[in-house]
Amino acid sequence: SFVLSGIVIGSISQGVIMFLKYIADPERQL
């Protein structure tokens, strides 16, 4: 259960990171 919970939280974090990369300034922030 804990490993699956970690995978869920990790996947959500990665999804948010991908969105933040999408809206980031390509020259500086990205």
mmCIF file of all heavy atoms, coordinates in Angstrom:
data_MODEL
# 
_entry.id   MODEL 
# 
loop_
_atom_site.group_PDB 
_atom_site.id 
_atom_site.type_symbol 
_atom_site.label_atom_id 
_atom_site.label_alt_id 
_atom_site.label_comp_id 
_atom_site.label_asym_id 
_atom_site.label_entity_id 
_atom_site.label_seq_id 
_atom_site.pdbx_PDB_ins_code 
_atom_site.Cartn_x 
_atom_site.Cartn_y 
_atom_site.Cartn_z 
_atom_site.occupancy 
_atom_site.B_iso_or_equiv 
_atom_site.pdbx_formal_charge 
_atom_site.auth_seq_id 
_atom_site.auth_comp_id 
_atom_site.auth_asym_id 
_atom_site.auth_atom_id 
_atom_site.pdbx_PDB_model_num 
ATOM 1   N N   . SER A 1 1  ? 0.831  -1.211 0.000   1.00 0.00 ? 1  SER A N   1 
ATOM 2   C CA  . SER A 1 1  ? 0.000  0.000  0.000   1.00 0.00 ? 1  SER A CA  1 
ATOM 3   C C   . SER A 1 1  ? 0.859  1.252  0.000   1.00 0.00 ? 1  SER A C   1 
ATOM 4   O O   . SER A 1 1  ? 0.570  2.221  -0.711  1.00 0.00 ? 1  SER A O   1 
ATOM 5   C CB  . SER A 1 1  ? -0.924 0.009  1.228   1.00 0.00 ? 1  SER A CB  1 
ATOM 6   O OG  . SER A 1 1  ? -1.822 -1.067 1.175   1.00 0.00 ? 1  SER A OG  1 
ATOM 7   N N   . PHE A 1 2  ? 1.929  1.222  0.792   1.00 0.00 ? 2  PHE A N   1 
ATOM 8   C CA  . PHE A 1 2  ? 2.789  2.403  0.871   1.00 0.00 ? 2  PHE A CA  1 
ATOM 9   C C   . PHE A 1 2  ? 3.524  2.635  -0.441  1.00 0.00 ? 2  PHE A C   1 
ATOM 10  O O   . PHE A 1 2  ? 3.639  3.772  -0.908  1.00 0.00 ? 2  PHE A O   1 
ATOM 11  C CB  . PHE A 1 2  ? 3.791  2.262  2.016   1.00 0.00 ? 2  PHE A CB  1 
ATOM 12  C CG  . PHE A 1 2  ? 4.606  3.505  2.218   1.00 0.00 ? 2  PHE A CG  1 
ATOM 13  C CD1 . PHE A 1 2  ? 4.067  4.596  2.885   1.00 0.00 ? 2  PHE A CD1 1 
ATOM 14  C CD2 . PHE A 1 2  ? 5.883  3.603  1.712   1.00 0.00 ? 2  PHE A CD2 1 
ATOM 15  C CE1 . PHE A 1 2  ? 4.788  5.762  3.049   1.00 0.00 ? 2  PHE A CE1 1 
ATOM 16  C CE2 . PHE A 1 2  ? 6.622  4.754  1.871   1.00 0.00 ? 2  PHE A CE2 1 
ATOM 17  C CZ  . PHE A 1 2  ? 6.072  5.838  2.547   1.00 0.00 ? 2  PHE A CZ  1 
ATOM 18  N N   . VAL A 1 3  ? 4.029  1.564  -1.054  1.00 0.00 ? 3  VAL A N   1 
ATOM 19  C CA  . VAL A 1 3  ? 4.725  1.698  -2.335  1.00 0.00 ? 3  VAL A CA  1 
ATOM 20  C C   . VAL A 1 3  ? 3.771  2.241  -3.397  1.00 0.00 ? 3  VAL A C   1 
ATOM 21  O O   . VAL A 1 3  ? 4.127  3.143  -4.167  1.00 0.00 ? 3  VAL A O   1 
ATOM 22  C CB  . VAL A 1 3  ? 5.322  0.342  -2.773  1.00 0.00 ? 3  VAL A CB  1 
ATOM 23  C CG1 . VAL A 1 3  ? 5.848  0.426  -4.205  1.00 0.00 ? 3  VAL A CG1 1 
ATOM 24  C CG2 . VAL A 1 3  ? 6.448  -0.071 -1.828  1.00 0.00 ? 3  VAL A CG2 1 
ATOM 25  N N   . LEU A 1 4  ? 2.554  1.707  -3.441  1.00 0.00 ? 4  LEU A N   1 
ATOM 26  C CA  . LEU A 1 4  ? 1.569  2.192  -4.410  1.00 0.00 ? 4  LEU A CA  1 
ATOM 27  C C   . LEU A 1 4  ? 1.229  3.658  -4.146  1.00 0.00 ? 4  LEU A C   1 
ATOM 28  O O   . LEU A 1 4  ? 1.073  4.443  -5.093  1.00 0.00 ? 4  LEU A O   1 
ATOM 29  C CB  . LEU A 1 4  ? 0.300  1.335  -4.347  1.00 0.00 ? 4  LEU A CB  1 
ATOM 30  C CG  . LEU A 1 4  ? 0.432  -0.096 -4.897  1.00 0.00 ? 4  LEU A CG  1 
ATOM 31  C CD1 . LEU A 1 4  ? -0.840 -0.889 -4.626  1.00 0.00 ? 4  LEU A CD1 1 
ATOM 32  C CD2 . LEU A 1 4  ? 0.748  -0.076 -6.391  1.00 0.00 ? 4  LEU A CD2 1 
ATOM 33  N N   . SER A 1 5  ? 1.128  4.029  -2.864  1.00 0.00 ? 5  SER A N   1 
ATOM 34  C CA  . SER A 1 5  ? 0.855  5.429  -2.510  1.00 0.00 ? 5  SER A CA  1 
ATOM 35  C C   . SER A 1 5  ? 1.993  6.330  -2.989  1.00 0.00 ? 5  SER A C   1 
ATOM 36  O O   . SER A 1 5  ? 1.755  7.425  -3.518  1.00 0.00 ? 5  SER A O   1 
ATOM 37  C CB  . SER A 1 5  ? 0.689  5.571  -0.994  1.00 0.00 ? 5  SER A CB  1 
ATOM 38  O OG  . SER A 1 5  ? -0.397 4.811  -0.528  1.00 0.00 ? 5  SER A OG  1 
ATOM 39  N N   . GLY A 1 6  ? 3.234  5.852  -2.817  1.00 0.00 ? 6  GLY A N   1 
ATOM 40  C CA  . GLY A 1 6  ? 4.391  6.616  -3.279  1.00 0.00 ? 6  GLY A CA  1 
ATOM 41  C C   . GLY A 1 6  ? 4.382  6.793  -4.784  1.00 0.00 ? 6  GLY A C   1 
ATOM 42  O O   . GLY A 1 6  ? 4.700  7.869  -5.308  1.00 0.00 ? 6  GLY A O   1 
ATOM 43  N N   . ILE A 1 7  ? 3.997  5.736  -5.491  1.00 0.00 ? 7  ILE A N   1 
ATOM 44  C CA  . ILE A 1 7  ? 3.926  5.812  -6.956  1.00 0.00 ? 7  ILE A CA  1 
ATOM 45  C C   . ILE A 1 7  ? 2.852  6.803  -7.394  1.00 0.00 ? 7  ILE A C   1 
ATOM 46  O O   . ILE A 1 7  ? 3.049  7.591  -8.329  1.00 0.00 ? 7  ILE A O   1 
ATOM 47  C CB  . ILE A 1 7  ? 3.659  4.416  -7.548  1.00 0.00 ? 7  ILE A CB  1 
ATOM 48  C CG1 . ILE A 1 7  ? 4.880  3.504  -7.327  1.00 0.00 ? 7  ILE A CG1 1 
ATOM 49  C CG2 . ILE A 1 7  ? 3.334  4.503  -9.044  1.00 0.00 ? 7  ILE A CG2 1 
ATOM 50  C CD1 . ILE A 1 7  ? 4.637  2.051  -7.664  1.00 0.00 ? 7  ILE A CD1 1 
ATOM 51  N N   . VAL A 1 8  ? 1.707  6.791  -6.683  1.00 0.00 ? 8  VAL A N   1 
ATOM 52  C CA  . VAL A 1 8  ? 0.615  7.727  -7.003  1.00 0.00 ? 8  VAL A CA  1 
ATOM 53  C C   . VAL A 1 8  ? 1.073  9.168  -6.795  1.00 0.00 ? 8  VAL A C   1 
ATOM 54  O O   . VAL A 1 8  ? 0.898  10.029 -7.679  1.00 0.00 ? 8  VAL A O   1 
ATOM 55  C CB  . VAL A 1 8  ? -0.622 7.429  -6.130  1.00 0.00 ? 8  VAL A CB  1 
ATOM 56  C CG1 . VAL A 1 8  ? -1.651 8.553  -6.247  1.00 0.00 ? 8  VAL A CG1 1 
ATOM 57  C CG2 . VAL A 1 8  ? -1.250 6.104  -6.530  1.00 0.00 ? 8  VAL A CG2 1 
ATOM 58  N N   . ILE A 1 9  ? 1.656  9.447  -5.640  1.00 0.00 ? 9  ILE A N   1 
ATOM 59  C CA  . ILE A 1 9  ? 2.122  10.809 -5.339  1.00 0.00 ? 9  ILE A CA  1 
ATOM 60  C C   . ILE A 1 9  ? 3.214  11.229 -6.324  1.00 0.00 ? 9  ILE A C   1 
ATOM 61  O O   . ILE A 1 9  ? 3.230  12.360 -6.816  1.00 0.00 ? 9  ILE A O   1 
ATOM 62  C CB  . ILE A 1 9  ? 2.651  10.896 -3.889  1.00 0.00 ? 9  ILE A CB  1 
ATOM 63  C CG1 . ILE A 1 9  ? 1.530  10.574 -2.883  1.00 0.00 ? 9  ILE A CG1 1 
ATOM 64  C CG2 . ILE A 1 9  ? 3.235  12.272 -3.610  1.00 0.00 ? 9  ILE A CG2 1 
ATOM 65  C CD1 . ILE A 1 9  ? 0.341  11.495 -2.965  1.00 0.00 ? 9  ILE A CD1 1 
ATOM 66  N N   . GLY A 1 10 ? 4.129  10.290 -6.635  1.00 0.00 ? 10 GLY A N   1 
ATOM 67  C CA  . GLY A 1 10 ? 5.193  10.589 -7.596  1.00 0.00 ? 10 GLY A CA  1 
ATOM 68  C C   . GLY A 1 10 ? 4.642  10.901 -8.973  1.00 0.00 ? 10 GLY A C   1 
ATOM 69  O O   . GLY A 1 10 ? 5.107  11.824 -9.653  1.00 0.00 ? 10 GLY A O   1 
ATOM 70  N N   . SER A 1 11 ? 3.631  10.142 -9.395  1.00 0.00 ? 11 SER A N   1 
ATOM 71  C CA  . SER A 1 11 ? 3.026  10.358 -10.712 1.00 0.00 ? 11 SER A CA  1 
ATOM 72  C C   . SER A 1 11 ? 2.307  11.709 -10.777 1.00 0.00 ? 11 SER A C   1 
ATOM 73  O O   . SER A 1 11 ? 2.409  12.438 -11.780 1.00 0.00 ? 11 SER A O   1 
ATOM 74  C CB  . SER A 1 11 ? 2.038  9.233  -11.028 1.00 0.00 ? 11 SER A CB  1 
ATOM 75  O OG  . SER A 1 11 ? 2.689  7.986  -11.050 1.00 0.00 ? 11 SER A OG  1 
ATOM 76  N N   . ILE A 1 12 ? 1.586  12.040 -9.705  1.00 0.00 ? 12 ILE A N   1 
ATOM 77  C CA  . ILE A 1 12 ? 0.907  13.348 -9.661  1.00 0.00 ? 12 ILE A CA  1 
ATOM 78  C C   . ILE A 1 12 ? 1.932  14.478 -9.716  1.00 0.00 ? 12 ILE A C   1 
ATOM 79  O O   . ILE A 1 12 ? 1.755  15.473 -10.439 1.00 0.00 ? 12 ILE A O   1 
ATOM 80  C CB  . ILE A 1 12 ? 0.039  13.463 -8.389  1.00 0.00 ? 12 ILE A CB  1 
ATOM 81  C CG1 . ILE A 1 12 ? -1.130 12.468 -8.455  1.00 0.00 ? 12 ILE A CG1 1 
ATOM 82  C CG2 . ILE A 1 12 ? -0.485 14.886 -8.213  1.00 0.00 ? 12 ILE A CG2 1 
ATOM 83  C CD1 . ILE A 1 12 ? -1.918 12.351 -7.164  1.00 0.00 ? 12 ILE A CD1 1 
ATOM 84  N N   . SER A 1 13 ? 3.014  14.319 -8.949  1.00 0.00 ? 13 SER A N   1 
ATOM 85  C CA  . SER A 1 13 ? 4.073  15.340 -8.946  1.00 0.00 ? 13 SER A CA  1 
ATOM 86  C C   . SER A 1 13 ? 4.662  15.516 -10.340 1.00 0.00 ? 13 SER A C   1 
ATOM 87  O O   . SER A 1 13 ? 4.873  16.647 -10.803 1.00 0.00 ? 13 SER A O   1 
ATOM 88  C CB  . SER A 1 13 ? 5.177  14.955 -7.962  1.00 0.00 ? 13 SER A CB  1 
ATOM 89  O OG  . SER A 1 13 ? 4.696  14.874 -6.645  1.00 0.00 ? 13 SER A OG  1 
ATOM 90  N N   . GLN A 1 14 ? 4.915  14.393 -11.021 1.00 0.00 ? 14 GLN A N   1 
ATOM 91  C CA  . GLN A 1 14 ? 5.480  14.466 -12.368 1.00 0.00 ? 14 GLN A CA  1 
ATOM 92  C C   . GLN A 1 14 ? 4.514  15.157 -13.332 1.00 0.00 ? 14 GLN A C   1 
ATOM 93  O O   . GLN A 1 14 ? 4.937  15.910 -14.215 1.00 0.00 ? 14 GLN A O   1 
ATOM 94  C CB  . GLN A 1 14 ? 5.814  13.063 -12.872 1.00 0.00 ? 14 GLN A CB  1 
ATOM 95  C CG  . GLN A 1 14 ? 7.025  12.424 -12.225 1.00 0.00 ? 14 GLN A CG  1 
ATOM 96  C CD  . GLN A 1 14 ? 8.312  13.160 -12.531 1.00 0.00 ? 14 GLN A CD  1 
ATOM 97  O OE1 . GLN A 1 14 ? 8.406  13.951 -13.469 1.00 0.00 ? 14 GLN A OE1 1 
ATOM 98  N NE2 . GLN A 1 14 ? 9.337  12.913 -11.728 1.00 0.00 ? 14 GLN A NE2 1 
ATOM 99  N N   . GLY A 1 15 ? 3.213  14.891 -13.159 1.00 0.00 ? 15 GLY A N   1 
ATOM 100 C CA  . GLY A 1 15 ? 2.221  15.535 -14.005 1.00 0.00 ? 15 GLY A CA  1 
ATOM 101 C C   . GLY A 1 15 ? 2.210  17.049 -13.805 1.00 0.00 ? 15 GLY A C   1 
ATOM 102 O O   . GLY A 1 15 ? 2.148  17.818 -14.772 1.00 0.00 ? 15 GLY A O   1 
ATOM 103 N N   . VAL A 1 16 ? 2.278  17.478 -12.542 1.00 0.00 ? 16 VAL A N   1 
ATOM 104 C CA  . VAL A 1 16 ? 2.310  18.918 -12.247 1.00 0.00 ? 16 VAL A CA  1 
ATOM 105 C C   . VAL A 1 16 ? 3.593  19.541 -12.799 1.00 0.00 ? 16 VAL A C   1 
ATOM 106 O O   . VAL A 1 16 ? 3.575  20.651 -13.341 1.00 0.00 ? 16 VAL A O   1 
ATOM 107 C CB  . VAL A 1 16 ? 2.197  19.162 -10.723 1.00 0.00 ? 16 VAL A CB  1 
ATOM 108 C CG1 . VAL A 1 16 ? 2.313  20.652 -10.410 1.00 0.00 ? 16 VAL A CG1 1 
ATOM 109 C CG2 . VAL A 1 16 ? 0.876  18.616 -10.183 1.00 0.00 ? 16 VAL A CG2 1 
ATOM 110 N N   . ILE A 1 17 ? 4.710  18.816 -12.660 1.00 0.00 ? 17 ILE A N   1 
ATOM 111 C CA  . ILE A 1 17 ? 5.991  19.323 -13.180 1.00 0.00 ? 17 ILE A CA  1 
ATOM 112 C C   . ILE A 1 17 ? 5.916  19.520 -14.693 1.00 0.00 ? 17 ILE A C   1 
ATOM 113 O O   . ILE A 1 17 ? 6.394  20.538 -15.223 1.00 0.00 ? 17 ILE A O   1 
ATOM 114 C CB  . ILE A 1 17 ? 7.138  18.352 -12.822 1.00 0.00 ? 17 ILE A CB  1 
ATOM 115 C CG1 . ILE A 1 17 ? 7.414  18.386 -11.318 1.00 0.00 ? 17 ILE A CG1 1 
ATOM 116 C CG2 . ILE A 1 17 ? 8.415  18.711 -13.587 1.00 0.00 ? 17 ILE A CG2 1 
ATOM 117 C CD1 . ILE A 1 17 ? 8.303  17.259 -10.835 1.00 0.00 ? 17 ILE A CD1 1 
ATOM 118 N N   . MET A 1 18 ? 5.301  18.575 -15.405 1.00 0.00 ? 18 MET A N   1 
ATOM 119 C CA  . MET A 1 18 ? 5.173  18.706 -16.857 1.00 0.00 ? 18 MET A CA  1 
ATOM 120 C C   . MET A 1 18 ? 4.341  19.935 -17.219 1.00 0.00 ? 18 MET A C   1 
ATOM 121 O O   . MET A 1 18 ? 4.656  20.651 -18.177 1.00 0.00 ? 18 MET A O   1 
ATOM 122 C CB  . MET A 1 18 ? 4.562  17.434 -17.451 1.00 0.00 ? 18 MET A CB  1 
ATOM 123 C CG  . MET A 1 18 ? 5.535  16.264 -17.526 1.00 0.00 ? 18 MET A CG  1 
ATOM 124 S SD  . MET A 1 18 ? 4.896  14.852 -18.458 1.00 0.00 ? 18 MET A SD  1 
ATOM 125 C CE  . MET A 1 18 ? 3.751  14.156 -17.262 1.00 0.00 ? 18 MET A CE  1 
ATOM 126 N N   . PHE A 1 19 ? 3.280  20.191 -16.440 1.00 0.00 ? 19 PHE A N   1 
ATOM 127 C CA  . PHE A 1 19 ? 2.457  21.391 -16.690 1.00 0.00 ? 19 PHE A CA  1 
ATOM 128 C C   . PHE A 1 19 ? 3.264  22.660 -16.433 1.00 0.00 ? 19 PHE A C   1 
ATOM 129 O O   . PHE A 1 19 ? 3.198  23.621 -17.217 1.00 0.00 ? 19 PHE A O   1 
ATOM 130 C CB  . PHE A 1 19 ? 1.212  21.366 -15.800 1.00 0.00 ? 19 PHE A CB  1 
ATOM 131 C CG  . PHE A 1 19 ? 0.393  22.625 -15.894 1.00 0.00 ? 19 PHE A CG  1 
ATOM 132 C CD1 . PHE A 1 19 ? -0.375 22.880 -17.023 1.00 0.00 ? 19 PHE A CD1 1 
ATOM 133 C CD2 . PHE A 1 19 ? 0.411  23.559 -14.868 1.00 0.00 ? 19 PHE A CD2 1 
ATOM 134 C CE1 . PHE A 1 19 ? -1.123 24.051 -17.125 1.00 0.00 ? 19 PHE A CE1 1 
ATOM 135 C CE2 . PHE A 1 19 ? -0.329 24.727 -14.954 1.00 0.00 ? 19 PHE A CE2 1 
ATOM 136 C CZ  . PHE A 1 19 ? -1.098 24.975 -16.093 1.00 0.00 ? 19 PHE A CZ  1 
ATOM 137 N N   . LEU A 1 20 ? 4.038  22.668 -15.339 1.00 0.00 ? 20 LEU A N   1 
ATOM 138 C CA  . LEU A 1 20 ? 4.860  23.836 -15.023 1.00 0.00 ? 20 LEU A CA  1 
ATOM 139 C C   . LEU A 1 20 ? 5.912  24.074 -16.106 1.00 0.00 ? 20 LEU A C   1 
ATOM 140 O O   . LEU A 1 20 ? 6.212  25.224 -16.447 1.00 0.00 ? 20 LEU A O   1 
ATOM 141 C CB  . LEU A 1 20 ? 5.538  23.652 -13.655 1.00 0.00 ? 20 LEU A CB  1 
ATOM 142 C CG  . LEU A 1 20 ? 4.609  23.612 -12.437 1.00 0.00 ? 20 LEU A CG  1 
ATOM 143 C CD1 . LEU A 1 20 ? 5.407  23.375 -11.160 1.00 0.00 ? 20 LEU A CD1 1 
ATOM 144 C CD2 . LEU A 1 20 ? 3.789  24.892 -12.335 1.00 0.00 ? 20 LEU A CD2 1 
ATOM 145 N N   . LYS A 1 21 ? 6.478  22.993 -16.650 1.00 0.00 ? 21 LYS A N   1 
ATOM 146 C CA  . LYS A 1 21 ? 7.437  23.140 -17.751 1.00 0.00 ? 21 LYS A CA  1 
ATOM 147 C C   . LYS A 1 21 ? 6.753  23.740 -18.982 1.00 0.00 ? 21 LYS A C   1 
ATOM 148 O O   . LYS A 1 21 ? 7.353  24.533 -19.723 1.00 0.00 ? 21 LYS A O   1 
ATOM 149 C CB  . LYS A 1 21 ? 8.044  21.780 -18.110 1.00 0.00 ? 21 LYS A CB  1 
ATOM 150 C CG  . LYS A 1 21 ? 9.059  21.260 -17.106 1.00 0.00 ? 21 LYS A CG  1 
ATOM 151 C CD  . LYS A 1 21 ? 9.601  19.909 -17.564 1.00 0.00 ? 21 LYS A CD  1 
ATOM 152 C CE  . LYS A 1 21 ? 10.643 19.382 -16.596 1.00 0.00 ? 21 LYS A CE  1 
ATOM 153 N NZ  . LYS A 1 21 ? 11.169 18.056 -17.017 1.00 0.00 ? 21 LYS A NZ  1 
ATOM 154 N N   . TYR A 1 22 ? 5.488  23.359 -19.189 1.00 0.00 ? 22 TYR A N   1 
ATOM 155 C CA  . TYR A 1 22 ? 4.733  23.843 -20.356 1.00 0.00 ? 22 TYR A CA  1 
ATOM 156 C C   . TYR A 1 22 ? 4.516  25.352 -20.288 1.00 0.00 ? 22 TYR A C   1 
ATOM 157 O O   . TYR A 1 22 ? 4.594  26.052 -21.302 1.00 0.00 ? 22 TYR A O   1 
ATOM 158 C CB  . TYR A 1 22 ? 3.394  23.114 -20.430 1.00 0.00 ? 22 TYR A CB  1 
ATOM 159 C CG  . TYR A 1 22 ? 2.489  23.585 -21.537 1.00 0.00 ? 22 TYR A CG  1 
ATOM 160 C CD1 . TYR A 1 22 ? 2.749  23.246 -22.866 1.00 0.00 ? 22 TYR A CD1 1 
ATOM 161 C CD2 . TYR A 1 22 ? 1.374  24.369 -21.254 1.00 0.00 ? 22 TYR A CD2 1 
ATOM 162 C CE1 . TYR A 1 22 ? 1.923  23.693 -23.889 1.00 0.00 ? 22 TYR A CE1 1 
ATOM 163 C CE2 . TYR A 1 22 ? 0.540  24.819 -22.273 1.00 0.00 ? 22 TYR A CE2 1 
ATOM 164 C CZ  . TYR A 1 22 ? 0.817  24.476 -23.583 1.00 0.00 ? 22 TYR A CZ  1 
ATOM 165 O OH  . TYR A 1 22 ? -0.002 24.922 -24.584 1.00 0.00 ? 22 TYR A OH  1 
ATOM 166 N N   . ILE A 1 23 ? 4.258  25.873 -19.081 1.00 0.00 ? 23 ILE A N   1 
ATOM 167 C CA  . ILE A 1 23 ? 3.979  27.313 -18.932 1.00 0.00 ? 23 ILE A CA  1 
ATOM 168 C C   . ILE A 1 23 ? 5.235  28.121 -18.604 1.00 0.00 ? 23 ILE A C   1 
ATOM 169 O O   . ILE A 1 23 ? 5.175  29.342 -18.509 1.00 0.00 ? 23 ILE A O   1 
ATOM 170 C CB  . ILE A 1 23 ? 2.909  27.559 -17.845 1.00 0.00 ? 23 ILE A CB  1 
ATOM 171 C CG1 . ILE A 1 23 ? 3.433  27.129 -16.460 1.00 0.00 ? 23 ILE A CG1 1 
ATOM 172 C CG2 . ILE A 1 23 ? 1.607  26.850 -18.187 1.00 0.00 ? 23 ILE A CG2 1 
ATOM 173 C CD1 . ILE A 1 23 ? 2.496  27.508 -15.315 1.00 0.00 ? 23 ILE A CD1 1 
ATOM 174 N N   . ALA A 1 24 ? 6.362  27.438 -18.414 1.00 0.00 ? 24 ALA A N   1 
ATOM 175 C CA  . ALA A 1 24 ? 7.594  28.140 -18.034 1.00 0.00 ? 24 ALA A CA  1 
ATOM 176 C C   . ALA A 1 24 ? 8.186  28.908 -19.211 1.00 0.00 ? 24 ALA A C   1 
ATOM 177 O O   . ALA A 1 24 ? 7.969  28.561 -20.375 1.00 0.00 ? 24 ALA A O   1 
ATOM 178 C CB  . ALA A 1 24 ? 8.618  27.134 -17.508 1.00 0.00 ? 24 ALA A CB  1 
ATOM 179 N N   . ASP A 1 25 ? 8.940  29.951 -18.875 1.00 0.00 ? 25 ASP A N   1 
ATOM 180 C CA  . ASP A 1 25 ? 9.686  30.702 -19.881 1.00 0.00 ? 25 ASP A CA  1 
ATOM 181 C C   . ASP A 1 25 ? 10.780 29.792 -20.450 1.00 0.00 ? 25 ASP A C   1 
ATOM 182 O O   . ASP A 1 25 ? 11.669 29.354 -19.702 1.00 0.00 ? 25 ASP A O   1 
ATOM 183 C CB  . ASP A 1 25 ? 10.318 31.937 -19.228 1.00 0.00 ? 25 ASP A CB  1 
ATOM 184 C CG  . ASP A 1 25 ? 11.166 32.756 -20.200 1.00 0.00 ? 25 ASP A CG  1 
ATOM 185 O OD1 . ASP A 1 25 ? 11.278 32.352 -21.366 1.00 0.00 ? 25 ASP A OD1 1 
ATOM 186 O OD2 . ASP A 1 25 ? 11.726 33.774 -19.769 1.00 0.00 ? 25 ASP A OD2 1 
ATOM 187 N N   . PRO A 1 26 ? 10.751 29.478 -21.758 1.00 0.00 ? 26 PRO A N   1 
ATOM 188 C CA  . PRO A 1 26 ? 11.711 28.508 -22.327 1.00 0.00 ? 26 PRO A CA  1 
ATOM 189 C C   . PRO A 1 26 ? 13.171 28.919 -22.158 1.00 0.00 ? 26 PRO A C   1 
ATOM 190 O O   . PRO A 1 26 ? 14.043 28.065 -22.054 1.00 0.00 ? 26 PRO A O   1 
ATOM 191 C CB  . PRO A 1 26 ? 11.324 28.455 -23.812 1.00 0.00 ? 26 PRO A CB  1 
ATOM 192 C CG  . PRO A 1 26 ? 9.927  28.953 -23.864 1.00 0.00 ? 26 PRO A CG  1 
ATOM 193 C CD  . PRO A 1 26 ? 9.804  29.955 -22.764 1.00 0.00 ? 26 PRO A CD  1 
ATOM 194 N N   . GLU A 1 27 ? 13.439 30.212 -22.162 1.00 0.00 ? 27 GLU A N   1 
ATOM 195 C CA  . GLU A 1 27 ? 14.826 30.668 -22.132 1.00 0.00 ? 27 GLU A CA  1 
ATOM 196 C C   . GLU A 1 27 ? 15.441 30.649 -20.738 1.00 0.00 ? 27 GLU A C   1 
ATOM 197 O O   . GLU A 1 27 ? 16.626 30.400 -20.581 1.00 0.00 ? 27 GLU A O   1 
ATOM 198 C CB  . GLU A 1 27 ? 14.929 32.078 -22.717 1.00 0.00 ? 27 GLU A CB  1 
ATOM 199 C CG  . GLU A 1 27 ? 14.612 32.130 -24.208 1.00 0.00 ? 27 GLU A CG  1 
ATOM 200 C CD  . GLU A 1 27 ? 14.828 33.524 -24.777 1.00 0.00 ? 27 GLU A CD  1 
ATOM 201 O OE1 . GLU A 1 27 ? 15.277 34.407 -24.008 1.00 0.00 ? 27 GLU A OE1 1 
ATOM 202 O OE2 . GLU A 1 27 ? 14.535 33.719 -25.958 1.00 0.00 ? 27 GLU A OE2 1 
ATOM 203 N N   . ARG A 1 28 ? 14.632 30.940 -19.707 1.00 0.00 ? 28 ARG A N   1 
ATOM 204 C CA  . ARG A 1 28 ? 15.201 31.031 -18.352 1.00 0.00 ? 28 ARG A CA  1 
ATOM 205 C C   . ARG A 1 28 ? 14.670 29.936 -17.427 1.00 0.00 ? 28 ARG A C   1 
ATOM 206 O O   . ARG A 1 28 ? 15.409 29.102 -16.946 1.00 0.00 ? 28 ARG A O   1 
ATOM 207 C CB  . ARG A 1 28 ? 14.909 32.400 -17.736 1.00 0.00 ? 28 ARG A CB  1 
ATOM 208 C CG  . ARG A 1 28 ? 15.571 33.569 -18.457 1.00 0.00 ? 28 ARG A CG  1 
ATOM 209 C CD  . ARG A 1 28 ? 15.341 34.878 -17.708 1.00 0.00 ? 28 ARG A CD  1 
ATOM 210 N NE  . ARG A 1 28 ? 13.913 35.153 -17.533 1.00 0.00 ? 28 ARG A NE  1 
ATOM 211 C CZ  . ARG A 1 28 ? 13.260 35.020 -16.361 1.00 0.00 ? 28 ARG A CZ  1 
ATOM 212 N NH1 . ARG A 1 28 ? 13.888 34.604 -15.288 1.00 0.00 ? 28 ARG A NH1 1 
ATOM 213 N NH2 . ARG A 1 28 ? 11.976 35.304 -16.286 1.00 0.00 ? 28 ARG A NH2 1 
ATOM 214 N N   . GLN A 1 29 ? 13.378 29.933 -17.203 1.00 0.00 ? 29 GLN A N   1 
ATOM 215 C CA  . GLN A 1 29 ? 12.801 29.059 -16.187 1.00 0.00 ? 29 GLN A CA  1 
ATOM 216 C C   . GLN A 1 29 ? 12.874 27.579 -16.564 1.00 0.00 ? 29 GLN A C   1 
ATOM 217 O O   . GLN A 1 29 ? 13.228 26.740 -15.736 1.00 0.00 ? 29 GLN A O   1 
ATOM 218 C CB  . GLN A 1 29 ? 11.350 29.478 -15.916 1.00 0.00 ? 29 GLN A CB  1 
ATOM 219 C CG  . GLN A 1 29 ? 11.229 30.869 -15.320 1.00 0.00 ? 29 GLN A CG  1 
ATOM 220 C CD  . GLN A 1 29 ? 9.785  31.329 -15.239 1.00 0.00 ? 29 GLN A CD  1 
ATOM 221 O OE1 . GLN A 1 29 ? 8.948  30.967 -16.074 1.00 0.00 ? 29 GLN A OE1 1 
ATOM 222 N NE2 . GLN A 1 29 ? 9.485  32.133 -14.234 1.00 0.00 ? 29 GLN A NE2 1 
ATOM 223 N N   . LEU A 1 30 ? 12.548 27.268 -17.812 1.00 0.00 ? 30 LEU A N   1 
ATOM 224 C CA  . LEU A 1 30 ? 12.572 25.870 -18.246 1.00 0.00 ? 30 LEU A CA  1 
ATOM 225 C C   . LEU A 1 30 ? 13.984 25.298 -18.158 1.00 0.00 ? 30 LEU A C   1 
ATOM 226 O O   . LEU A 1 30 ? 14.182 24.169 -17.686 1.00 0.00 ? 30 LEU A O   1 
ATOM 227 C CB  . LEU A 1 30 ? 12.037 25.749 -19.682 1.00 0.00 ? 30 LEU A CB  1 
ATOM 228 C CG  . LEU A 1 30 ? 11.958 24.328 -20.255 1.00 0.00 ? 30 LEU A CG  1 
ATOM 229 C CD1 . LEU A 1 30 ? 11.064 23.451 -19.400 1.00 0.00 ? 30 LEU A CD1 1 
ATOM 230 C CD2 . LEU A 1 30 ? 11.453 24.368 -21.694 1.00 0.00 ? 30 LEU A CD2 1 
# 
